Amino acid sequence: MTQKFEQAVIDGTLADELERERVDHMLVDEEKLGMDELEETRLKGHGLPDGPRERRH
């Protein structure tokens, strides 16, 4: 019975850690999206084209 309990604790801890990692990744993705939107707004304010700029040689 002790081994099952220990495994359940380990599984629960792992599940909690995975959930925290998932939430952290979601927050990072939201932050990146927000930064992309700010950059897009900044570029539009300077009259630059929307898409990626072509490099000219």
Protein backbone atom coordinates (compact mmCIF):
# COMPACT_ATOMS: atom_id res chain seq x y z
CA MET A 1 0.00 0.00 0.00
CA THR A 2 2.85 2.40 0.76
CA GLN A 3 4.36 1.94 -2.69
CA LYS A 4 1.02 2.77 -4.35
CA PHE A 5 0.69 5.86 -2.16
CA GLU A 6 4.24 6.99 -3.00
CA GLN A 7 3.57 6.47 -6.71
CA ALA A 8 0.34 8.47 -6.45
CA VAL A 9 2.22 11.32 -4.76
CA ILE A 10 4.91 11.23 -7.45
CA ASP A 11 2.27 11.13 -10.21
CA GLY A 12 0.37 14.00 -8.59
CA THR A 13 3.55 16.03 -8.24
CA LEU A 14 4.45 15.37 -11.85
CA ALA A 15 0.94 16.31 -12.99
CA ASP A 16 1.17 19.55 -11.00
CA GLU A 17 4.56 20.34 -12.50
CA LEU A 18 3.30 19.65 -16.02
CA GLU A 19 0.31 21.93 -15.42
CA ARG A 20 2.59 24.72 -14.18
CA GLU A 21 4.79 24.29 -17.26
CA ARG A 22 1.73 24.41 -19.53
CA VAL A 23 0.51 27.62 -17.89
CA ASP A 24 3.99 29.15 -18.08
CA HIS A 25 4.16 28.39 -21.80
CA MET A 26 0.72 29.90 -22.33
CA LEU A 27 1.81 33.08 -20.56
CA VAL A 28 4.98 33.30 -22.63
CA ASP A 29 2.97 32.78 -25.83
CA GLU A 30 0.53 35.52 -24.80
CA GLU A 31 3.43 37.85 -24.04
CA LYS A 32 5.02 37.13 -27.43
CA LEU A 33 1.69 37.75 -29.16
CA GLY A 34 1.32 41.04 -27.34
CA MET A 35 4.84 42.05 -28.30
CA ASP A 36 4.13 41.17 -31.94
CA GLU A 37 1.00 43.32 -31.88
CA LEU A 38 2.92 46.23 -30.36
CA GLU A 39 5.63 45.88 -33.00
CA GLU A 40 3.00 45.79 -35.75
CA THR A 41 1.39 48.94 -34.36
CA ARG A 42 4.77 50.64 -34.12
CA LEU A 43 5.62 49.73 -37.71
CA LYS A 44 2.27 50.94 -38.98
CA GLY A 45 2.85 54.21 -37.15
CA HIS A 46 6.07 54.67 -39.10
CA GLY A 47 4.39 53.93 -42.43
CA LEU A 48 6.33 50.74 -43.06
CA PRO A 49 4.72 47.85 -44.96
CA ASP A 50 2.98 45.11 -42.98
CA GLY A 51 4.74 41.94 -44.11
CA PRO A 52 8.35 40.98 -43.84
CA ARG A 53 10.64 43.46 -45.49
CA GLU A 54 12.67 42.31 -48.46
CA ARG A 55 16.40 42.70 -48.29
CA ARG A 56 17.87 44.69 -51.11
CA HIS A 57 21.41 44.09 -52.23
